[in-house]
């Protein structure tokens, strides 16, 4: 997947080589970014709109805080990846959410603007799941103090659900509730079901090439190490058949191209997306493939899962099964029938409604 992401970034023109002469296309993109920036501007006196760096555990992290009213509940959103920050694409779906919540995002260590702050070998040695958990807790403490809140709503997507689950279990005092989107429960089972879906679809559609490629990987994941190359090969066809974004064979242009119009990301930031992905995943992969939350039978705070019906990147049935057996003060699964893995982008309207109807009542200041 990393190679596909890097290629997508190049194909979308996100990485502008230093020193290259400006072109008419660059001028058009700059004007488009100005339009997006004006649309996203929060002019009211009660609102907040900040993008800034803040020191966290020895590294400056980049943080975005946006909302129409500081009195609203605060959502701390933990992005996926590893190293796929949400800040460059939040303009695609977040503006309605900002009317009801103060939305906080941050580029994790090794990702995006934070990768630009430091991507040394020494920093690379800190890329461990527990470090991301510690960073998340520190940022939650910072946001609480900055915005004058006792607790936050913790929302996480994809890879981000791993440090977020750990943080919720370790520091439930910080959070009103936890919302998992594209939840990771068991990575090896994710991979098995993902390939099984791709193979079933390829056979149904008579795609002999796809069937041949996937059958060559069986048994998968089996007992062999889950390397990057095996994962990339196994996810190729499930994602082609809509397992990443429902009924779409690619997400490259609309999702990975979002940074091209983001007012928060300049050319160097856009180039850092691909570089940060390569930097982070190779250091986290061994831990990532061992993640398994199936043994977690008690959850200390309300837990809500947003599940894409067509998600075969982190297959939703695993999440539904886990939610059924866990004991929590409150639990709810919300199915998104028109989504796969990219729920907030695929169904932004239902995302807003679900946060208001299911999650907002859990906020107790």
Protein backbone atom coordinates (compact mmCIF):
# COMPACT_ATOMS: atom_id res chain seq x y z
CA UNK A 1 0.00 0.00 0.00
CA UNK A 2 2.89 2.35 0.76
CA UNK A 3 4.16 2.10 -2.81
CA UNK A 4 0.68 2.82 -4.13
CA UNK A 5 0.38 5.83 -1.82
CA UNK A 6 3.73 7.20 -2.91
CA UNK A 7 2.81 6.70 -6.55
CA UNK A 8 -0.57 8.32 -5.99
CA UNK A 9 1.04 11.37 -4.45
CA UNK A 10 3.28 11.76 -7.46
CA UNK A 11 0.46 11.19 -9.94
CA UNK A 12 -1.68 13.79 -8.19
CA UNK A 13 1.11 16.32 -8.40
CA UNK A 14 1.34 16.70 -4.64
CA UNK A 15 5.10 16.74 -4.49
CA UNK A 16 6.49 19.85 -6.17
CA UNK A 17 10.22 19.60 -6.64
CA UNK A 18 12.20 22.39 -4.92
CA UNK A 19 13.36 25.00 -7.36
CA UNK A 20 10.97 24.00 -10.15
CA UNK A 21 9.54 26.92 -12.07
CA UNK A 22 5.93 27.81 -11.40
CA UNK A 23 3.47 26.68 -14.06
CA UNK A 24 -0.07 27.82 -14.92
CA UNK A 25 -1.32 24.70 -13.14
CA UNK A 26 0.49 25.81 -9.98
CA UNK A 27 -1.15 29.22 -10.23
CA UNK A 28 -4.56 27.59 -10.65
CA UNK A 29 -3.94 25.39 -7.60
CA UNK A 30 -2.90 28.42 -5.54
CA UNK A 31 -6.10 30.23 -6.48
CA UNK A 32 -8.15 27.14 -5.65
CA UNK A 33 -6.47 26.89 -2.25
CA UNK A 34 -7.38 30.52 -1.60
CA UNK A 35 -11.03 29.71 -2.33
CA UNK A 36 -10.95 26.73 0.06
CA UNK A 37 -9.21 28.83 2.71
CA UNK A 38 -11.89 31.51 2.50
CA UNK A 39 -14.65 28.89 2.67
CA UNK A 40 -13.04 27.32 5.74
CA UNK A 41 -12.42 30.65 7.51
CA UNK A 42 -14.13 30.97 10.91
CA UNK A 43 -14.79 34.70 11.37
CA UNK A 44 -17.13 34.69 14.36
CA UNK A 45 -15.86 35.93 17.73
CA UNK A 46 -16.85 32.70 19.52
CA UNK A 47 -14.95 30.46 17.15
CA UNK A 48 -11.44 29.04 17.11
CA UNK A 49 -9.19 28.42 14.11
CA UNK A 50 -5.56 27.60 14.81
CA UNK A 51 -2.85 25.47 13.23
CA UNK A 52 0.33 25.49 15.26
CA UNK A 53 3.24 23.43 16.57
CA UNK A 54 3.36 22.22 20.16
CA UNK A 55 6.13 20.26 21.97
CA UNK A 56 5.09 16.72 22.88
CA UNK A 57 7.50 14.20 24.39
CA UNK A 58 10.57 15.85 22.87
CA UNK A 59 9.10 16.54 19.42
CA UNK A 60 7.10 19.46 18.05
CA UNK A 61 3.76 18.16 16.79
CA UNK A 62 1.48 20.13 14.46
CA UNK A 63 -2.04 20.61 15.77
CA UNK A 64 -5.22 21.95 14.13
CA UNK A 65 -8.13 23.28 16.21
CA UNK A 66 -11.28 24.44 14.45
CA UNK A 67 -14.82 25.18 15.63
CA UNK A 68 -17.59 27.74 15.42
CA UNK A 69 -18.15 27.93 19.19
CA UNK A 70 -15.60 27.26 21.94
CA UNK A 71 -18.45 26.18 24.21
CA UNK A 72 -19.10 23.09 22.07
CA UNK A 73 -17.77 19.64 23.04
CA UNK A 74 -14.25 18.89 21.81
CA UNK A 75 -13.44 15.99 19.50
CA UNK A 76 -9.82 14.80 19.41
CA UNK A 77 -9.36 12.95 16.10
CA UNK A 78 -6.48 10.46 15.75
CA UNK A 79 -5.59 9.89 12.10
CA UNK A 80 -4.82 6.68 10.28
CA UNK A 81 -1.88 5.47 8.28
CA UNK A 82 0.54 5.07 9.82
CA UNK A 83 1.40 8.59 8.69
CA UNK A 84 -1.79 9.51 6.80
CA UNK A 85 -2.68 12.80 8.52
CA UNK A 86 -6.20 14.15 8.28
CA UNK A 87 -5.33 17.86 8.37
CA UNK A 88 -4.75 18.09 4.58
CA UNK A 89 -8.13 16.49 3.80
CA UNK A 90 -10.36 17.75 6.59
CA UNK A 91 -11.68 20.48 4.29
CA UNK A 92 -13.46 17.73 2.37
CA UNK A 93 -15.81 16.71 5.17
CA UNK A 94 -15.35 18.63 8.41
CA UNK A 95 -16.97 22.04 7.99
CA UNK A 96 -20.50 20.94 9.12
CA UNK A 97 -19.01 19.16 12.15
CA UNK A 98 -17.43 22.43 13.25
CA UNK A 99 -20.88 23.91 13.91
CA UNK A 100 -21.48 21.38 16.70
CA UNK A 101 -18.01 20.33 17.88
CA UNK A 102 -14.57 21.85 18.26
CA UNK A 103 -12.46 19.55 16.08
CA UNK A 104 -8.84 18.85 16.99
CA UNK A 105 -6.42 17.02 14.71
CA UNK A 106 -2.68 16.50 14.91
CA UNK A 107 -0.01 15.16 12.60
CA UNK A 108 1.54 12.25 14.49
CA UNK A 109 5.27 11.77 14.81
CA UNK A 110 6.62 10.61 11.47
CA UNK A 111 3.63 12.09 9.61
CA UNK A 112 3.14 15.16 7.44
CA UNK A 113 4.12 18.49 8.97
CA UNK A 114 5.41 16.76 12.11
CA UNK A 115 7.67 14.55 9.98
CA UNK A 116 9.23 17.76 8.66
CA UNK A 117 10.06 18.83 12.22
CA UNK A 118 12.25 15.76 12.75
CA UNK A 119 12.72 12.56 10.78
CA UNK A 120 16.18 11.66 12.02
CA UNK A 121 17.29 8.12 12.68
CA UNK A 122 17.12 8.86 16.39
CA UNK A 123 13.52 9.96 16.05
CA UNK A 124 12.81 6.86 13.97
CA UNK A 125 13.87 4.70 16.90
CA UNK A 126 10.99 6.17 18.94
CA UNK A 127 8.32 4.96 16.51
CA UNK A 128 6.67 2.40 18.74
CA UNK A 129 2.98 2.00 19.50
CA UNK A 130 3.48 2.99 23.13
CA UNK A 131 5.14 6.23 22.07
CA UNK A 132 2.09 7.13 20.00
CA UNK A 133 -0.09 6.35 23.01
CA UNK A 134 2.04 8.63 25.19
CA UNK A 135 1.86 11.39 22.54
CA UNK A 136 -1.93 11.10 22.35
CA UNK A 137 -2.33 11.36 26.12
CA UNK A 138 -0.03 14.40 26.25
CA UNK A 139 -1.95 16.11 23.45
CA UNK A 140 -5.26 15.36 25.17
CA UNK A 141 -3.93 16.98 28.35
CA UNK A 142 -2.76 20.00 26.34
CA UNK A 143 -6.09 20.40 24.56
CA UNK A 144 -8.04 20.09 27.81
CA UNK A 145 -6.04 22.91 29.35
CA UNK A 146 -6.07 25.09 26.25
CA UNK A 147 -9.83 24.85 25.69
CA UNK A 148 -10.89 24.63 29.32
CA UNK A 149 -12.50 21.19 29.11
CA UNK A 150 -12.47 18.37 31.63
CA UNK A 151 -12.84 15.63 29.04
CA UNK A 152 -12.82 15.13 25.29
CA UNK A 153 -14.53 12.85 22.79
CA UNK A 154 -11.84 10.57 21.38
CA UNK A 155 -12.37 9.64 17.72
CA UNK A 156 -9.89 7.54 15.76
CA UNK A 157 -9.62 6.18 12.24
CA UNK A 158 -7.85 3.04 10.98
CA UNK A 159 -4.25 2.85 12.31
CA UNK A 160 -5.16 5.62 14.75
CA UNK A 161 -7.58 3.28 16.52
CA UNK A 162 -4.60 1.33 17.87
CA UNK A 163 -3.00 4.08 20.00
CA UNK A 164 -6.48 5.49 20.72
CA UNK A 165 -7.79 2.20 22.15
CA UNK A 166 -4.71 1.94 24.36
CA UNK A 167 -5.12 5.56 25.48
CA UNK A 168 -8.80 5.07 26.33
CA UNK A 169 -7.98 1.96 28.35
CA UNK A 170 -5.08 3.63 30.18
CA UNK A 171 -6.60 7.09 30.77
CA UNK A 172 -10.40 6.89 30.74
CA UNK A 173 -10.51 10.03 32.91
CA UNK A 174 -9.59 12.10 29.84
CA UNK A 175 -12.49 11.08 27.62
CA UNK A 176 -16.29 11.20 27.52
CA UNK A 177 -16.42 8.40 24.97
CA UNK A 178 -14.45 6.55 22.32
CA UNK A 179 -15.52 6.38 18.66
CA UNK A 180 -13.69 3.93 16.40
CA UNK A 181 -13.90 4.31 12.62
CA UNK A 182 -12.35 1.55 10.52
CA UNK A 183 -11.45 -0.03 13.85
CA UNK A 184 -8.46 -2.34 14.06
CA UNK A 185 -9.28 -5.32 16.28
CA UNK A 186 -7.07 -8.13 14.97
CA UNK A 187 -4.64 -7.37 12.15
CA UNK A 188 -4.03 -10.94 11.02
CA UNK A 189 -7.77 -11.65 10.85
CA UNK A 190 -8.23 -8.36 8.96
CA UNK A 191 -5.75 -9.58 6.36
CA UNK A 192 -7.37 -13.00 6.05
CA UNK A 193 -10.87 -11.66 5.51
CA UNK A 194 -9.68 -8.92 3.18
CA UNK A 195 -8.00 -11.38 0.80
CA UNK A 196 -10.95 -13.77 1.03
CA UNK A 197 -13.26 -10.95 -0.07
CA UNK A 198 -11.00 -9.98 -2.97
CA UNK A 199 -10.73 -13.58 -4.14
CA UNK A 200 -14.49 -14.09 -3.94
CA UNK A 201 -15.13 -10.93 -5.95
CA UNK A 202 -12.51 -11.80 -8.56
CA UNK A 203 -13.99 -15.25 -9.07
CA UNK A 204 -17.52 -13.83 -9.28
CA UNK A 205 -16.42 -11.31 -11.88
CA UNK A 206 -14.33 -13.81 -13.85
CA UNK A 207 -11.06 -11.92 -13.36
CA UNK A 208 -8.56 -14.71 -13.99
CA UNK A 209 -5.52 -12.46 -13.49
CA UNK A 210 -6.71 -11.35 -10.05
CA UNK A 211 -7.61 -14.90 -9.04
CA UNK A 212 -4.18 -16.13 -10.09
CA UNK A 213 -2.38 -13.39 -8.15
CA UNK A 214 -4.37 -13.94 -4.96
CA UNK A 215 -4.27 -17.73 -5.07
CA UNK A 216 -0.49 -17.49 -5.27
CA UNK A 217 -0.55 -15.85 -1.80
CA UNK A 218 -2.51 -18.65 -0.13
CA UNK A 219 -2.56 -19.65 2.64
CA UNK A 220 -2.77 -16.04 3.77
CA UNK A 221 -1.61 -14.76 6.12
CA UNK A 222 -0.55 -18.27 7.13
CA UNK A 223 2.52 -18.80 9.27
CA UNK A 224 4.91 -16.71 7.15
CA UNK A 225 5.87 -13.23 8.35
CA UNK A 226 3.47 -10.46 7.30
CA UNK A 227 5.87 -8.34 5.32
CA UNK A 228 5.08 -5.07 3.58
CA UNK A 229 5.32 -6.72 0.17
CA UNK A 230 2.86 -9.47 1.15
CA UNK A 231 0.39 -6.94 2.54
CA UNK A 232 0.64 -4.74 -0.56
CA UNK A 233 0.05 -7.73 -2.83
CA UNK A 234 -2.85 -9.03 -0.73
CA UNK A 235 -4.66 -5.68 -0.56
CA UNK A 236 -4.36 -4.84 -4.25
CA UNK A 237 -7.55 -6.53 -5.43
CA UNK A 238 -9.75 -6.16 -2.32
CA UNK A 239 -9.20 -2.40 -2.54
CA UNK A 240 -9.78 -2.45 -6.30
CA UNK A 241 -13.18 -4.04 -5.58
CA UNK A 242 -14.23 -1.29 -3.18
CA UNK A 243 -12.78 -2.51 0.10
CA UNK A 244 -11.20 0.90 0.76
CA UNK A 245 -13.92 3.18 -0.65
CA UNK A 246 -17.26 1.60 -1.51
CA UNK A 247 -17.96 1.07 -5.21
CA UNK A 248 -14.69 2.81 -6.16
CA UNK A 249 -11.64 1.07 -7.56
CA UNK A 250 -9.29 3.87 -6.48
CA UNK A 251 -9.03 6.51 -3.74
CA UNK A 252 -5.88 8.10 -5.12
CA UNK A 253 -7.30 11.22 -6.71
CA UNK A 254 -9.97 12.42 -4.29
CA UNK A 255 -8.31 11.40 -1.00
CA UNK A 256 -4.58 11.54 -1.63
CA UNK A 257 -5.10 14.54 -3.88
CA UNK A 258 -6.85 16.50 -1.11
CA UNK A 259 -3.63 18.13 0.10
CA UNK A 260 -3.26 19.83 -3.28
CA UNK A 261 -6.13 22.16 -2.28
CA UNK A 262 -5.49 22.28 1.46
CA UNK A 263 -4.73 25.77 2.77
CA UNK A 264 -2.81 24.16 5.67
CA UNK A 265 -0.26 22.30 3.51
CA UNK A 266 2.44 23.83 1.34
CA UNK A 267 4.51 22.02 -1.29
CA UNK A 268 7.04 20.69 1.21
CA UNK A 269 4.26 19.44 3.47
CA UNK A 270 2.69 17.62 0.54
CA UNK A 271 5.99 15.99 -0.32
CA UNK A 272 6.28 14.88 3.32
CA UNK A 273 3.13 12.76 3.04
CA UNK A 274 4.81 10.09 0.95
CA UNK A 275 8.15 10.38 2.75
CA UNK A 276 6.51 10.13 6.16
CA UNK A 277 4.55 7.06 5.14
CA UNK A 278 7.69 5.23 4.08
CA UNK A 279 9.56 6.44 7.18
CA UNK A 280 6.87 5.28 9.61
CA UNK A 281 5.48 2.04 8.26
CA UNK A 282 8.77 0.22 7.93
CA UNK A 283 9.51 0.96 11.60
CA UNK A 284 6.03 0.09 12.90
CA UNK A 285 5.17 -2.92 10.78
CA UNK A 286 6.46 -5.64 13.12
CA UNK A 287 4.36 -4.30 16.00
CA UNK A 288 1.39 -3.45 13.83
CA UNK A 289 0.87 -6.97 12.49
CA UNK A 290 0.74 -8.35 16.05
CA UNK A 291 -2.10 -6.06 17.20
CA UNK A 292 -5.00 -8.01 18.69
CA UNK A 293 -7.70 -6.46 20.90
CA UNK A 294 -9.96 -9.53 20.90
CA UNK A 295 -8.96 -10.22 24.51
CA UNK A 296 -10.29 -6.85 25.70
CA UNK A 297 -13.58 -7.80 27.36
CA UNK A 298 -14.17 -4.66 29.43
CA UNK A 299 -14.04 -1.05 28.26
CA UNK A 300 -14.02 1.74 30.84
CA UNK A 301 -15.90 4.44 28.89
CA UNK A 302 -18.77 4.50 26.40
CA UNK A 303 -17.68 2.98 23.10
CA UNK A 304 -19.23 3.60 19.69
CA UNK A 305 -18.11 2.00 16.45
CA UNK A 306 -18.78 3.54 13.02
CA UNK A 307 -18.62 0.57 10.65
CA UNK A 308 -18.56 0.70 6.87
CA UNK A 309 -20.67 -2.09 5.45
CA UNK A 310 -18.20 -2.55 2.58
CA UNK A 311 -14.98 -2.16 4.59
CA UNK A 312 -12.51 -4.88 3.65
CA UNK A 313 -9.43 -2.97 4.79
CA UNK A 314 -10.42 -3.45 8.43
CA UNK A 315 -13.43 -5.74 7.90
CA UNK A 316 -16.32 -4.47 9.99
CA UNK A 317 -17.69 -7.85 11.02
CA UNK A 318 -14.67 -8.31 13.29
CA UNK A 319 -15.53 -5.02 14.99
CA UNK A 320 -19.21 -5.95 15.32
CA UNK A 321 -18.28 -9.29 16.91
CA UNK A 322 -15.94 -7.57 19.38
CA UNK A 323 -18.56 -4.98 20.28
CA UNK A 324 -21.09 -7.71 20.95
CA UNK A 325 -18.93 -9.35 23.62
CA UNK A 326 -17.38 -6.30 25.32
CA UNK A 327 -18.76 -4.93 28.58
CA UNK A 328 -18.90 -1.11 28.64
CA UNK A 329 -20.96 1.65 30.31
CA UNK A 330 -22.55 2.22 26.91
CA UNK A 331 -21.92 0.62 23.54
CA UNK A 332 -23.38 1.09 20.11
CA UNK A 333 -22.50 0.04 16.58
CA UNK A 334 -23.53 2.31 13.73
CA UNK A 335 -23.52 0.80 10.24
CA UNK A 336 -22.74 3.00 7.24
CA UNK A 337 -24.37 1.22 4.33
CA UNK A 338 -22.71 3.30 1.59
CA UNK A 339 -19.19 3.27 3.03
CA UNK A 340 -16.16 1.05 3.15
CA UNK A 341 -13.09 2.16 5.13
CA UNK A 342 -13.32 5.94 4.61
CA UNK A 343 -16.56 6.62 6.50
CA UNK A 344 -16.24 10.39 7.23
CA UNK A 345 -15.32 11.08 3.61
CA UNK A 346 -17.84 8.68 2.07
CA UNK A 347 -20.84 9.55 4.26
CA UNK A 348 -20.12 12.92 5.89
CA UNK A 349 -23.80 13.64 6.47
CA UNK A 350 -24.44 10.43 8.37
CA UNK A 351 -21.17 10.95 10.26
CA UNK A 352 -22.48 14.28 11.55
CA UNK A 353 -25.93 12.91 12.38
CA UNK A 354 -24.45 9.89 14.18
CA UNK A 355 -22.13 12.05 16.26
CA UNK A 356 -25.06 14.27 17.23
CA UNK A 357 -27.59 11.51 17.93
CA UNK A 358 -25.36 8.83 19.45
CA UNK A 359 -22.20 10.49 20.78
CA UNK A 360 -23.23 14.03 21.79
CA UNK A 361 -25.62 12.76 24.52
CA UNK A 362 -22.65 10.96 26.14
CA UNK A 363 -20.89 14.26 26.84
CA UNK A 364 -21.16 15.15 30.52
CA UNK A 365 -19.27 18.31 31.47
